[in-house]
Amino acid sequence: MKKIENNFCVSGFIGKDATIREFQNASVARFSLAVSHGEKDKEGKVQYTSAFVNLEAWRKNEAKYSFDVLKKGTLITCQGYLKPEIWTGEDGKERNRINWVVTKFYPAEEIELGKKG
């Protein structure tokens, strides 16, 4: 059986300041990232589609200072993995979602649209 990698790398602008929640030994920052993707249409003009992706990053409490950069409008690159979550709702129905868990984030370099680097 071949090994399947579960990871992502995405860059975008933070949609709003991260919400930080502290626990006894660790803290989590939850934030949205505005991302876009360009594809050429029939006329050869690039059309961009944008979306917001919800992310979460965990740190030990002594390292939570790294969350200070997670402010609205900041351009960052995030790396991590996708984590499935399953739970039972109040109505008794099973629910699920995929969490984007960030293990590393850092400032991204802004590239002018239409230019190749």
PDB file of N, CA and C in Angstrom:
ATOM      1  N   MET A   1       0.842  -1.180   0.000  1.00  0.00           N
ATOM      2  CA  MET A   1       0.000   0.000   0.000  1.00  0.00           C
ATOM      3  C   MET A   1       0.889   1.245   0.000  1.00  0.00           C
ATOM      4  N   LYS A   2       0.527   2.210  -0.815  1.00  0.00           N
ATOM      5  CA  LYS A   2       1.289   3.447  -0.897  1.00  0.00           C
ATOM      6  C   LYS A   2       0.919   4.387   0.240  1.00  0.00           C
ATOM      7  N   LYS A   3       1.910   5.148   0.667  1.00  0.00           N
ATOM      8  CA  LYS A   3       1.688   6.132   1.730  1.00  0.00           C
ATOM      9  C   LYS A   3       0.980   7.353   1.135  1.00  0.00           C
ATOM     10  N   ILE A   4      -0.041   7.811   1.809  1.00  0.00           N
ATOM     11  CA  ILE A   4      -0.782   8.996   1.380  1.00  0.00           C
ATOM     12  C   ILE A   4      -0.485  10.119   2.365  1.00  0.00           C
ATOM     13  N   GLU A   5      -0.004  11.226   1.857  1.00  0.00           N
ATOM     14  CA  GLU A   5       0.321  12.373   2.704  1.00  0.00           C
ATOM     15  C   GLU A   5      -0.921  13.225   2.947  1.00  0.00           C
ATOM     16  N   ASN A   6      -1.133  13.607   4.173  1.00  0.00           N
ATOM     17  CA  ASN A   6      -2.229  14.496   4.542  1.00  0.00           C
ATOM     18  C   ASN A   6      -1.609  15.812   4.978  1.00  0.00           C
ATOM     19  N   ASN A   7      -1.445  16.731   4.034  1.00  0.00           N
ATOM     20  CA  ASN A   7      -0.891  18.038   4.388  1.00  0.00           C
ATOM     21  C   ASN A   7      -1.355  19.095   3.401  1.00  0.00           C
ATOM     22  N   PHE A   8      -1.227  20.340   3.812  1.00  0.00           N
ATOM     23  CA  PHE A   8      -1.575  21.455   2.945  1.00  0.00           C
ATOM     24  C   PHE A   8      -0.587  22.591   3.146  1.00  0.00           C
ATOM     25  N   CYS A   9      -0.532  23.459   2.149  1.00  0.00           N
ATOM     26  CA  CYS A   9       0.233  24.701   2.216  1.00  0.00           C
ATOM     27  C   CYS A   9      -0.600  25.728   1.461  1.00  0.00           C
ATOM     28  N   VAL A  10      -1.023  26.776   2.156  1.00  0.00           N
ATOM     29  CA  VAL A  10      -1.907  27.769   1.553  1.00  0.00           C
ATOM     30  C   VAL A  10      -1.491  29.159   2.017  1.00  0.00           C
ATOM     31  N   SER A  11      -1.591  30.128   1.112  1.00  0.00           N
ATOM     32  CA  SER A  11      -1.269  31.520   1.444  1.00  0.00           C
ATOM     33  C   SER A  11      -2.494  32.385   1.219  1.00  0.00           C
ATOM     34  N   GLY A  12      -2.636  33.409   2.043  1.00  0.00           N
ATOM     35  CA  GLY A  12      -3.749  34.330   1.890  1.00  0.00           C
ATOM     36  C   GLY A  12      -3.710  35.406   2.956  1.00  0.00           C
ATOM     37  N   PHE A  13      -4.743  36.233   2.934  1.00  0.00           N
ATOM     38  CA  PHE A  13      -4.864  37.334   3.890  1.00  0.00           C
ATOM     39  C   PHE A  13      -5.798  36.924   5.027  1.00  0.00           C
ATOM     40  N   ILE A  14      -5.389  37.221   6.257  1.00  0.00           N
ATOM     41  CA  ILE A  14      -6.225  36.909   7.416  1.00  0.00           C
ATOM     42  C   ILE A  14      -7.473  37.788   7.370  1.00  0.00           C
ATOM     43  N   GLY A  15      -8.648  37.150   7.509  1.00  0.00           N
ATOM     44  CA  GLY A  15      -9.918  37.852   7.382  1.00  0.00           C
ATOM     45  C   GLY A  15     -10.284  38.720   8.572  1.00  0.00           C
ATOM     46  N   LYS A  16      -9.956  38.279   9.771  1.00  0.00           N
ATOM     47  CA  LYS A  16     -10.173  39.062  10.988  1.00  0.00           C
ATOM     48  C   LYS A  16      -9.204  38.557  12.043  1.00  0.00           C
ATOM     49  N   ASP A  17      -8.982  39.366  13.073  1.00  0.00           N
ATOM     50  CA  ASP A  17      -8.048  38.972  14.131  1.00  0.00           C
ATOM     51  C   ASP A  17      -8.405  37.585  14.668  1.00  0.00           C
ATOM     52  N   ALA A  18      -7.386  36.796  14.947  1.00  0.00           N
ATOM     53  CA  ALA A  18      -7.598  35.445  15.466  1.00  0.00           C
ATOM     54  C   ALA A  18      -8.303  35.487  16.819  1.00  0.00           C
ATOM     55  N   THR A  19      -9.160  34.506  17.044  1.00  0.00           N
ATOM     56  CA  THR A  19      -9.779  34.293  18.345  1.00  0.00           C
ATOM     57  C   THR A  19      -8.906  33.288  19.083  1.00  0.00           C
ATOM     58  N   ILE A  20      -8.419  33.675  20.249  1.00  0.00           N
ATOM     59  CA  ILE A  20      -7.499  32.820  20.994  1.00  0.00           C
ATOM     60  C   ILE A  20      -8.182  32.307  22.253  1.00  0.00           C
ATOM     61  N   ARG A  21      -8.092  31.005  22.447  1.00  0.00           N
ATOM     62  CA  ARG A  21      -8.673  30.371  23.629  1.00  0.00           C
ATOM     63  C   ARG A  21      -7.560  29.641  24.374  1.00  0.00           C
ATOM     64  N   GLU A  22      -7.459  29.891  25.659  1.00  0.00           N
ATOM     65  CA  GLU A  22      -6.400  29.289  26.469  1.00  0.00           C
ATOM     66  C   GLU A  22      -6.942  28.125  27.290  1.00  0.00           C
ATOM     67  N   PHE A  23      -6.154  27.064  27.349  1.00  0.00           N
ATOM     68  CA  PHE A  23      -6.438  25.907  28.180  1.00  0.00           C
ATOM     69  C   PHE A  23      -5.307  25.771  29.190  1.00  0.00           C
ATOM     70  N   GLN A  24      -5.325  24.728  29.986  1.00  0.00           N
ATOM     71  CA  GLN A  24      -4.320  24.584  31.036  1.00  0.00           C
ATOM     72  C   GLN A  24      -2.892  24.539  30.488  1.00  0.00           C
ATOM     73  N   ASN A  25      -2.652  23.757  29.444  1.00  0.00           N
ATOM     74  CA  ASN A  25      -1.292  23.578  28.930  1.00  0.00           C
ATOM     75  C   ASN A  25      -1.070  24.122  27.525  1.00  0.00           C
ATOM     76  N   ALA A  26      -2.136  24.488  26.838  1.00  0.00           N
ATOM     77  CA  ALA A  26      -2.005  24.925  25.446  1.00  0.00           C
ATOM     78  C   ALA A  26      -3.051  25.981  25.121  1.00  0.00           C
ATOM     79  N   SER A  27      -2.842  26.632  23.988  1.00  0.00           N
ATOM     80  CA  SER A  27      -3.789  27.634  23.494  1.00  0.00           C
ATOM     81  C   SER A  27      -4.071  27.344  22.026  1.00  0.00           C
ATOM     82  N   VAL A  28      -5.270  27.728  21.583  1.00  0.00           N
ATOM     83  CA  VAL A  28      -5.631  27.563  20.184  1.00  0.00           C
ATOM     84  C   VAL A  28      -6.027  28.921  19.623  1.00  0.00           C
ATOM     85  N   ALA A  29      -5.569  29.194  18.412  1.00  0.00           N
ATOM     86  CA  ALA A  29      -5.963  30.402  17.686  1.00  0.00           C
ATOM     87  C   ALA A  29      -6.800  29.952  16.498  1.00  0.00           C
ATOM     88  N   ARG A  30      -7.986  30.511  16.378  1.00  0.00           N
ATOM     89  CA  ARG A  30      -8.852  30.203  15.237  1.00  0.00           C
ATOM     90  C   ARG A  30      -8.988  31.474  14.410  1.00  0.00           C
ATOM     91  N   PHE A  31      -8.823  31.321  13.084  1.00  0.00           N
ATOM     92  CA  PHE A  31      -8.864  32.481  12.200  1.00  0.00           C
ATOM     93  C   PHE A  31      -9.260  32.044  10.796  1.00  0.00           C
ATOM     94  N   SER A  32      -9.709  33.003  10.006  1.00  0.00           N
ATOM     95  CA  SER A  32     -10.062  32.721   8.619  1.00  0.00           C
ATOM     96  C   SER A  32      -8.998  33.315   7.709  1.00  0.00           C
ATOM     97  N   LEU A  33      -8.820  32.666   6.570  1.00  0.00           N
ATOM     98  CA  LEU A  33      -7.831  33.097   5.592  1.00  0.00           C
ATOM     99  C   LEU A  33      -8.531  33.265   4.253  1.00  0.00           C
ATOM    100  N   ALA A  34      -8.405  34.452   3.650  1.00  0.00           N
ATOM    101  CA  ALA A  34      -8.969  34.704   2.325  1.00  0.00           C
ATOM    102  C   ALA A  34      -7.970  34.198   1.288  1.00  0.00           C
ATOM    103  N   VAL A  35      -8.418  33.264   0.467  1.00  0.00           N
ATOM    104  CA  VAL A  35      -7.567  32.676  -0.564  1.00  0.00           C
ATOM    105  C   VAL A  35      -8.236  32.853  -1.922  1.00  0.00           C
ATOM    106  N   SER A  36      -7.444  32.820  -2.983  1.00  0.00           N
ATOM    107  CA  SER A  36      -8.017  32.919  -4.325  1.00  0.00           C
ATOM    108  C   SER A  36      -7.230  32.042  -5.288  1.00  0.00           C
ATOM    109  N   HIS A  37      -7.884  31.723  -6.381  1.00  0.00           N
ATOM    110  CA  HIS A  37      -7.275  30.879  -7.409  1.00  0.00           C
ATOM    111  C   HIS A  37      -7.674  31.438  -8.766  1.00  0.00           C
ATOM    112  N   GLY A  38      -6.720  31.568  -9.664  1.00  0.00           N
ATOM    113  CA  GLY A  38      -6.994  32.106 -10.989  1.00  0.00           C
ATOM    114  C   GLY A  38      -6.952  31.037 -12.066  1.00  0.00           C
ATOM    115  N   GLU A  39      -7.926  31.111 -12.978  1.00  0.00           N
ATOM    116  CA  GLU A  39      -7.972  30.223 -14.138  1.00  0.00           C
ATOM    117  C   GLU A  39      -8.335  31.047 -15.357  1.00  0.00           C
ATOM    118  N   LYS A  40      -7.767  30.676 -16.496  1.00  0.00           N
ATOM    119  CA  LYS A  40      -8.064  31.395 -17.733  1.00  0.00           C
ATOM    120  C   LYS A  40      -9.432  30.977 -18.259  1.00  0.00           C
ATOM    121  N   ASP A  41     -10.193  31.975 -18.740  1.00  0.00           N
ATOM    122  CA  ASP A  41     -11.477  31.685 -19.357  1.00  0.00           C
ATOM    123  C   ASP A  41     -11.265  31.412 -20.848  1.00  0.00           C
ATOM    124  N   LYS A  42     -12.348  31.277 -21.601  1.00  0.00           N
ATOM    125  CA  LYS A  42     -12.266  30.957 -23.031  1.00  0.00           C
ATOM    126  C   LYS A  42     -11.522  32.012 -23.832  1.00  0.00           C
ATOM    127  N   GLU A  43     -11.567  33.259 -23.368  1.00  0.00           N
ATOM    128  CA  GLU A  43     -10.880  34.349 -24.061  1.00  0.00           C
ATOM    129  C   GLU A  43      -9.429  34.500 -23.607  1.00  0.00           C
ATOM    130  N   GLY A  44      -8.996  33.677 -22.678  1.00  0.00           N
ATOM    131  CA  GLY A  44      -7.626  33.739 -22.188  1.00  0.00           C
ATOM    132  C   GLY A  44      -7.419  34.720 -21.047  1.00  0.00           C
ATOM    133  N   LYS A  45      -8.502  35.337 -20.578  1.00  0.00           N
ATOM    134  CA  LYS A  45      -8.416  36.273 -19.463  1.00  0.00           C
ATOM    135  C   LYS A  45      -8.496  35.490 -18.150  1.00  0.00           C
ATOM    136  N   VAL A  46      -7.647  35.846 -17.192  1.00  0.00           N
ATOM    137  CA  VAL A  46      -7.630  35.146 -15.909  1.00  0.00           C
ATOM    138  C   VAL A  46      -8.798  35.610 -15.045  1.00  0.00           C
ATOM    139  N   GLN A  47      -9.580  34.653 -14.577  1.00  0.00           N
ATOM    140  CA  GLN A  47     -10.702  34.909 -13.677  1.00  0.00           C
ATOM    141  C   GLN A  47     -10.350  34.331 -12.303  1.00  0.00           C
ATOM    142  N   TYR A  48     -10.531  35.123 -11.265  1.00  0.00           N
ATOM    143  CA  TYR A  48     -10.180  34.694  -9.912  1.00  0.00           C
ATOM    144  C   TYR A  48     -11.424  34.328  -9.117  1.00  0.00           C
ATOM    145  N   THR A  49     -11.328  33.221  -8.403  1.00  0.00           N
ATOM    146  CA  THR A  49     -12.361  32.781  -7.482  1.00  0.00           C
ATOM    147  C   THR A  49     -11.777  32.861  -6.076  1.00  0.00           C
ATOM    148  N   SER A  50     -12.502  33.503  -5.176  1.00  0.00           N
ATOM    149  CA  SER A  50     -12.014  33.675  -3.803  1.00  0.00           C
ATOM    150  C   SER A  50     -12.896  32.923  -2.814  1.00  0.00           C
ATOM    151  N   ALA A  51     -12.303  32.571  -1.691  1.00  0.00           N
ATOM    152  CA  ALA A  51     -13.031  31.873  -0.630  1.00  0.00           C
ATOM    153  C   ALA A  51     -12.335  32.133   0.697  1.00  0.00           C
ATOM    154  N   PHE A  52     -13.053  31.899   1.774  1.00  0.00           N
ATOM    155  CA  PHE A  52     -12.469  31.964   3.113  1.00  0.00           C
ATOM    156  C   PHE A  52     -12.324  30.541   3.640  1.00  0.00           C
ATOM    157  N   VAL A  53     -11.163  30.252   4.211  1.00  0.00           N
ATOM    158  CA  VAL A  53     -10.876  28.954   4.811  1.00  0.00           C
ATOM    159  C   VAL A  53     -10.701  29.176   6.306  1.00  0.00           C
ATOM    160  N   ASN A  54     -11.375  28.360   7.119  1.00  0.00           N
ATOM    161  CA  ASN A  54     -11.234  28.459   8.576  1.00  0.00           C
ATOM    162  C   ASN A  54     -10.105  27.549   9.041  1.00  0.00           C
ATOM    163  N   LEU A  55      -9.193  28.115   9.834  1.00  0.00           N
ATOM    164  CA  LEU A  55      -8.003  27.403  10.290  1.00  0.00           C
ATOM    165  C   LEU A  55      -7.885  27.465  11.804  1.00  0.00           C
ATOM    166  N   GLU A  56      -7.133  26.522  12.373  1.00  0.00           N
ATOM    167  CA  GLU A  56      -6.813  26.589  13.799  1.00  0.00           C
ATOM    168  C   GLU A  56      -5.351  26.204  13.991  1.00  0.00           C
ATOM    169  N   ALA A  57      -4.705  26.903  14.920  1.00  0.00           N
ATOM    170  CA  ALA A  57      -3.303  26.637  15.244  1.00  0.00           C
ATOM    171  C   ALA A  57      -3.192  26.441  16.748  1.00  0.00           C
ATOM    172  N   TRP A  58      -2.460  25.425  17.149  1.00  0.00           N
ATOM    173  CA  TRP A  58      -2.263  25.117  18.571  1.00  0.00           C
ATOM    174  C   TRP A  58      -0.826  25.400  18.963  1.00  0.00           C
ATOM    175  N   ARG A  59      -0.624  25.919  20.165  1.00  0.00           N
ATOM    176  CA  ARG A  59       0.711  26.168  20.712  1.00  0.00           C
ATOM    177  C   ARG A  59       0.676  25.903  22.213  1.00  0.00           C
ATOM    178  N   LYS A  60       1.819  25.486  22.755  1.00  0.00           N
ATOM    179  CA  LYS A  60       1.943  25.420  24.211  1.00  0.00           C
ATOM    180  C   LYS A  60       1.843  26.847  24.726  1.00  0.00           C
ATOM    181  N   ASN A  61       1.312  27.024  25.914  1.00  0.00           N
ATOM    182  CA  ASN A  61       1.067  28.374  26.438  1.00  0.00           C
ATOM    183  C   ASN A  61       2.308  29.255  26.438  1.00  0.00           C
ATOM    184  N   GLU A  62       3.475  28.679  26.682  1.00  0.00           N
ATOM    185  CA  GLU A  62       4.680  29.508  26.704  1.00  0.00           C
ATOM    186  C   GLU A  62       5.084  29.988  25.306  1.00  0.00           C
ATOM    187  N   ALA A  63       4.465  29.447  24.252  1.00  0.00           N
ATOM    188  CA  ALA A  63       4.787  29.863  22.881  1.00  0.00           C
ATOM    189  C   ALA A  63       3.627  30.588  22.207  1.00  0.00           C
ATOM    190  N   LYS A  64       2.598  30.941  22.969  1.00  0.00           N
ATOM    191  CA  LYS A  64       1.418  31.564  22.352  1.00  0.00           C
ATOM    192  C   LYS A  64       1.689  32.964  21.821  1.00  0.00           C
ATOM    193  N   TYR A  65       2.844  33.564  22.170  1.00  0.00           N
ATOM    194  CA  TYR A  65       3.204  34.879  21.625  1.00  0.00           C
ATOM    195  C   TYR A  65       3.247  34.848  20.097  1.00  0.00           C
ATOM    196  N   SER A  66       3.477  33.675  19.512  1.00  0.00           N
ATOM    197  CA  SER A  66       3.529  33.581  18.046  1.00  0.00           C
ATOM    198  C   SER A  66       2.181  33.921  17.417  1.00  0.00           C
ATOM    199  N   PHE A  67       1.100  33.875  18.196  1.00  0.00           N
ATOM    200  CA  PHE A  67      -0.221  34.232  17.688  1.00  0.00           C
ATOM    201  C   PHE A  67      -0.357  35.737  17.450  1.00  0.00           C
ATOM    202  N   ASP A  68       0.573  36.528  17.967  1.00  0.00           N
ATOM    203  CA  ASP A  68       0.492  37.989  17.855  1.00  0.00           C
ATOM    204  C   ASP A  68       0.426  38.475  16.411  1.00  0.00           C
ATOM    205  N   VAL A  69       0.943  37.713  15.464  1.00  0.00           N
ATOM    206  CA  VAL A  69       0.947  38.132  14.056  1.00  0.00           C
ATOM    207  C   VAL A  69      -0.371  37.818  13.348  1.00  0.00           C
ATOM    208  N   LEU A  70      -1.267  37.103  14.003  1.00  0.00           N
ATOM    209  CA  LEU A  70      -2.514  36.679  13.360  1.00  0.00           C
ATOM    210  C   LEU A  70      -3.562  37.787  13.432  1.00  0.00           C
ATOM    211  N   LYS A  71      -3.290  38.865  12.710  1.00  0.00           N
ATOM    212  CA  LYS A  71      -4.143  40.053  12.690  1.00  0.00           C
ATOM    213  C   LYS A  71      -4.768  40.236  11.311  1.00  0.00           C
ATOM    214  N   LYS A  72      -5.952  40.829  11.282  1.00  0.00           N
ATOM    215  CA  LYS A  72      -6.682  41.080  10.043  1.00  0.00           C
ATOM    216  C   LYS A  72      -5.785  41.770   9.021  1.00  0.00           C
ATOM    217  N   GLY A  73      -5.826  41.261   7.785  1.00  0.00           N
ATOM    218  CA  GLY A  73      -5.094  41.866   6.683  1.00  0.00           C
ATOM    219  C   GLY A  73      -3.674  41.369   6.501  1.00  0.00           C
ATOM    220  N   THR A  74      -3.155  40.586   7.448  1.00  0.00           N
ATOM    221  CA  THR A  74      -1.791  40.072   7.344  1.00  0.00           C
ATOM    222  C   THR A  74      -1.727  38.962   6.298  1.00  0.00           C
ATOM    223  N   LEU A  75      -0.747  39.042   5.410  1.00  0.00           N
ATOM    224  CA  LEU A  75      -0.534  38.009   4.397  1.00  0.00           C
ATOM    225  C   LEU A  75       0.393  36.947   4.978  1.00  0.00           C
ATOM    226  N   ILE A  76      -0.117  35.712   5.092  1.00  0.00           N
ATOM    227  CA  ILE A  76       0.696  34.634   5.660  1.00  0.00           C
ATOM    228  C   ILE A  76       0.576  33.365   4.822  1.00  0.00           C
ATOM    229  N   THR A  77       1.529  32.487   5.030  1.00  0.00           N
ATOM    230  CA  THR A  77       1.487  31.138   4.481  1.00  0.00           C
ATOM    231  C   THR A  77       1.308  30.186   5.655  1.00  0.00           C
ATOM    232  N   CYS A  78       0.402  29.239   5.494  1.00  0.00           N
ATOM    233  CA  CYS A  78       0.121  28.257   6.540  1.00  0.00           C
ATOM    234  C   CYS A  78       0.378  26.857   6.002  1.00  0.00           C
ATOM    235  N   GLN A  79       0.992  26.034   6.835  1.00  0.00           N
ATOM    236  CA  GLN A  79       1.204  24.628   6.522  1.00  0.00           C
ATOM    237  C   GLN A  79       0.588  23.803   7.638  1.00  0.00           C
ATOM    238  N   GLY A  80       0.073  22.640   7.285  1.00  0.00           N
ATOM    239  CA  GLY A  80      -0.519  21.797   8.307  1.00  0.00           C
ATOM    240  C   GLY A  80      -1.152  20.557   7.715  1.00  0.00           C
ATOM    241  N   TYR A  81      -2.180  20.060   8.407  1.00  0.00           N
ATOM    242  CA  TYR A  81      -2.851  18.840   7.982  1.00  0.00           C
ATOM    243  C   TYR A  81      -4.356  18.986   8.192  1.00  0.00           C
ATOM    244  N   LEU A  82      -5.117  18.120   7.523  1.00  0.00           N
ATOM    245  CA  LEU A  82      -6.571  18.108   7.635  1.00  0.00           C
ATOM    246  C   LEU A  82      -6.972  17.059   8.669  1.00  0.00           C
ATOM    247  N   LYS A  83      -7.841  17.464   9.600  1.00  0.00           N
ATOM    248  CA  LYS A  83      -8.247  16.570  10.692  1.00  0.00           C
ATOM    249  C   LYS A  83      -9.767  16.422  10.685  1.00  0.00           C
ATOM    250  N   PRO A  84     -10.274  15.212  10.433  1.00  0.00           N
ATOM    251  CA  PRO A  84     -11.723  15.016  10.466  1.00  0.00           C
ATOM    252  C   PRO A  84     -12.256  15.071  11.897  1.00  0.00           C
ATOM    253  N   GLU A  85     -13.438  15.628  12.037  1.00  0.00           N
ATOM    254  CA  GLU A  85     -14.096  15.707  13.345  1.00  0.00           C
ATOM    255  C   GLU A  85     -15.525  15.206  13.175  1.00  0.00           C
ATOM    256  N   ILE A  86     -15.937  14.284  14.030  1.00  0.00           N
ATOM    257  CA  ILE A  86     -17.289  13.716  13.981  1.00  0.00           C
ATOM    258  C   ILE A  86     -17.917  13.869  15.360  1.00  0.00           C
ATOM    259  N   TRP A  87     -19.183  14.310  15.396  1.00  0.00           N
ATOM    260  CA  TRP A  87     -19.892  14.457  16.660  1.00  0.00           C
ATOM    261  C   TRP A  87     -21.385  14.259  16.419  1.00  0.00           C
ATOM    262  N   THR A  88     -22.113  14.100  17.502  1.00  0.00           N
ATOM    263  CA  THR A  88     -23.560  13.954  17.432  1.00  0.00           C
ATOM    264  C   THR A  88     -24.188  15.277  17.838  1.00  0.00           C
ATOM    265  N   GLY A  89     -25.047  15.800  16.968  1.00  0.00           N
ATOM    266  CA  GLY A  89     -25.713  17.068  17.235  1.00  0.00           C
ATOM    267  C   GLY A  89     -26.809  16.915  18.277  1.00  0.00           C
ATOM    268  N   GLU A  90     -27.354  18.042  18.717  1.00  0.00           N
ATOM    269  CA  GLU A  90     -28.428  18.021  19.715  1.00  0.00           C
ATOM    270  C   GLU A  90     -29.661  17.288  19.209  1.00  0.00           C
ATOM    271  N   ASP A  91     -29.816  17.232  17.875  1.00  0.00           N
ATOM    272  CA  ASP A  91     -30.951  16.532  17.282  1.00  0.00           C
ATOM    273  C   ASP A  91     -30.706  15.031  17.141  1.00  0.00           C
ATOM    274  N   GLY A  92     -29.535  14.551  17.601  1.00  0.00           N
ATOM    275  CA  GLY A  92     -29.214  13.133  17.535  1.00  0.00           C
ATOM    276  C   GLY A  92     -28.561  12.699  16.230  1.00  0.00           C
ATOM    277  N   LYS A  93     -28.446  13.610  15.265  1.00  0.00           N
ATOM    278  CA  LYS A  93     -27.842  13.269  13.978  1.00  0.00           C
ATOM    279  C   LYS A  93     -26.324  13.434  14.039  1.00  0.00           C
ATOM    280  N   GLU A  94     -25.665  12.531  13.329  1.00  0.00           N
ATOM    281  CA  GLU A  94     -24.206  12.605  13.274  1.00  0.00           C
ATOM    282  C   GLU A  94     -23.777  13.737  12.343  1.00  0.00           C
ATOM    283  N   ARG A  95     -22.823  14.505  12.785  1.00  0.00           N
ATOM    284  CA  ARG A  95     -22.289  15.632  12.011  1.00  0.00           C
ATOM    285  C   ARG A  95     -20.799  15.394  11.788  1.00  0.00           C
ATOM    286  N   ASN A  96     -20.271  16.056  10.781  1.00  0.00           N
ATOM    287  CA  ASN A  96     -18.834  15.966  10.557  1.00  0.00           C
ATOM    288  C   ASN A  96     -18.337  17.205   9.830  1.00  0.00           C
ATOM    289  N   ARG A  97     -17.049  17.433   9.974  1.00  0.00           N
ATOM    290  CA  ARG A  97     -16.393  18.522   9.262  1.00  0.00           C
ATOM    291  C   ARG A  97     -14.902  18.208   9.212  1.00  0.00           C
ATOM    292  N   ILE A  98     -14.215  18.933   8.365  1.00  0.00           N
ATOM    293  CA  ILE A  98     -12.768  18.806   8.250  1.00  0.00           C
ATOM    294  C   ILE A  98     -12.147  20.068   8.835  1.00  0.00           C
ATOM    295  N   ASN A  99     -11.306  19.902   9.845  1.00  0.00           N
ATOM    296  CA  ASN A  99     -10.565  21.026  10.431  1.00  0.00           C
ATOM    297  C   ASN A  99      -9.218  21.153   9.738  1.00  0.00           C
ATOM    298  N   TRP A 100      -8.851  22.388   9.400  1.00  0.00           N
ATOM    299  CA  TRP A 100      -7.538  22.682   8.843  1.00  0.00           C
ATOM    300  C   TRP A 100      -6.651  23.056  10.031  1.00  0.00           C
ATOM    301  N   VAL A 101      -5.761  22.164  10.430  1.00  0.00           N
ATOM    302  CA  VAL A 101      -4.904  22.381  11.594  1.00  0.00           C
ATOM    303  C   VAL A 101      -3.540  22.884  11.115  1.00  0.00           C
ATOM    304  N   VAL A 102      -3.187  24.087  11.550  1.00  0.00           N
ATOM    305  CA  VAL A 102      -1.939  24.726  11.128  1.00  0.00           C
ATOM    306  C   VAL A 102      -0.822  24.334  12.091  1.00  0.00           C
ATOM    307  N   THR A 103       0.252  23.789  11.550  1.00  0.00           N
ATOM    308  CA  THR A 103       1.409  23.439  12.371  1.00  0.00           C
ATOM    309  C   THR A 103       2.530  24.471  12.233  1.00  0.00           C
ATOM    310  N   LYS A 104       2.486  25.253  11.153  1.00  0.00           N
ATOM    311  CA  LYS A 104       3.519  26.260  10.906  1.00  0.00           C
ATOM    312  C   LYS A 104       2.898  27.408  10.119  1.00  0.00           C
ATOM    313  N   PHE A 105       3.197  28.645  10.524  1.00  0.00           N
ATOM    314  CA  PHE A 105       2.767  29.802   9.739  1.00  0.00           C
ATOM    315  C   PHE A 105       3.858  30.853   9.763  1.00  0.00           C
ATOM    316  N   TYR A 106       3.934  31.602   8.657  1.00  0.00           N
ATOM    317  CA  TYR A 106       4.989  32.604   8.512  1.00  0.00           C
ATOM    318  C   TYR A 106       4.551  33.644   7.490  1.00  0.00           C
ATOM    319  N   PRO A 107       5.155  34.836   7.513  1.00  0.00           N
ATOM    320  CA  PRO A 107       4.791  35.885   6.558  1.00  0.00           C
ATOM    321  C   PRO A 107       5.005  35.400   5.125  1.00  0.00           C
ATOM    322  N   ALA A 108       4.083  35.782   4.250  1.00  0.00           N
ATOM    323  CA  ALA A 108       4.193  35.426   2.832  1.00  0.00           C
ATOM    324  C   ALA A 108       4.628  36.653   2.043  1.00  0.00           C
ATOM    325  N   GLU A 109       5.263  36.405   0.933  1.00  0.00           N
ATOM    326  CA  GLU A 109       5.689  37.490   0.058  1.00  0.00           C
ATOM    327  C   GLU A 109       4.567  37.802  -0.920  1.00  0.00           C
ATOM    328  N   GLU A 110       4.199  39.066  -1.005  1.00  0.00           N
ATOM    329  CA  GLU A 110       3.132  39.466  -1.913  1.00  0.00           C
ATOM    330  C   GLU A 110       3.675  39.539  -3.330  1.00  0.00           C
ATOM    331  N   ILE A 111       2.972  38.894  -4.260  1.00  0.00           N
ATOM    332  CA  ILE A 111       3.369  38.874  -5.662  1.00  0.00           C
ATOM    333  C   ILE A 111       2.302  39.604  -6.458  1.00  0.00           C
ATOM    334  N   GLU A 112       2.725  40.487  -7.340  1.00  0.00           N
ATOM    335  CA  GLU A 112       1.788  41.244  -8.156  1.00  0.00           C
ATOM    336  C   GLU A 112       1.089  40.304  -9.124  1.00  0.00           C
ATOM    337  N   LEU A 113      -0.243  40.431  -9.231  1.00  0.00           N
ATOM    338  CA  LEU A 113      -1.027  39.569 -10.107  1.00  0.00           C
ATOM    339  C   LEU A 113      -0.567  39.715 -11.550  1.00  0.00           C
ATOM    340  N   GLY A 114      -0.554  38.595 -12.249  1.00  0.00           N
ATOM    341  CA  GLY A 114      -0.189  38.614 -13.656  1.00  0.00           C
ATOM    342  C   GLY A 114       1.300  38.491 -13.913  1.00  0.00           C
ATOM    343  N   LYS A 115       2.109  38.568 -12.883  1.00  0.00           N
ATOM    344  CA  LYS A 115       3.562  38.442 -13.046  1.00  0.00           C
ATOM    345  C   LYS A 115       4.009  37.087 -12.530  1.00  0.00           C
ATOM    346  N   LYS A 116       4.920  36.492 -13.257  1.00  0.00           N
ATOM    347  CA  LYS A 116       5.491  35.218 -12.821  1.00  0.00           C
ATOM    348  C   LYS A 116       6.793  35.496 -12.118  1.00  0.00           C
ATOM    349  N   GLY A 117       7.031  34.777 -10.981  1.00  0.00           N
ATOM    350  CA  GLY A 117       8.220  35.052 -10.196  1.00  0.00           C
ATOM    351  C   GLY A 117       9.202  34.016 -10.195  1.00  0.00           C
TER     352      GLY A 117
END
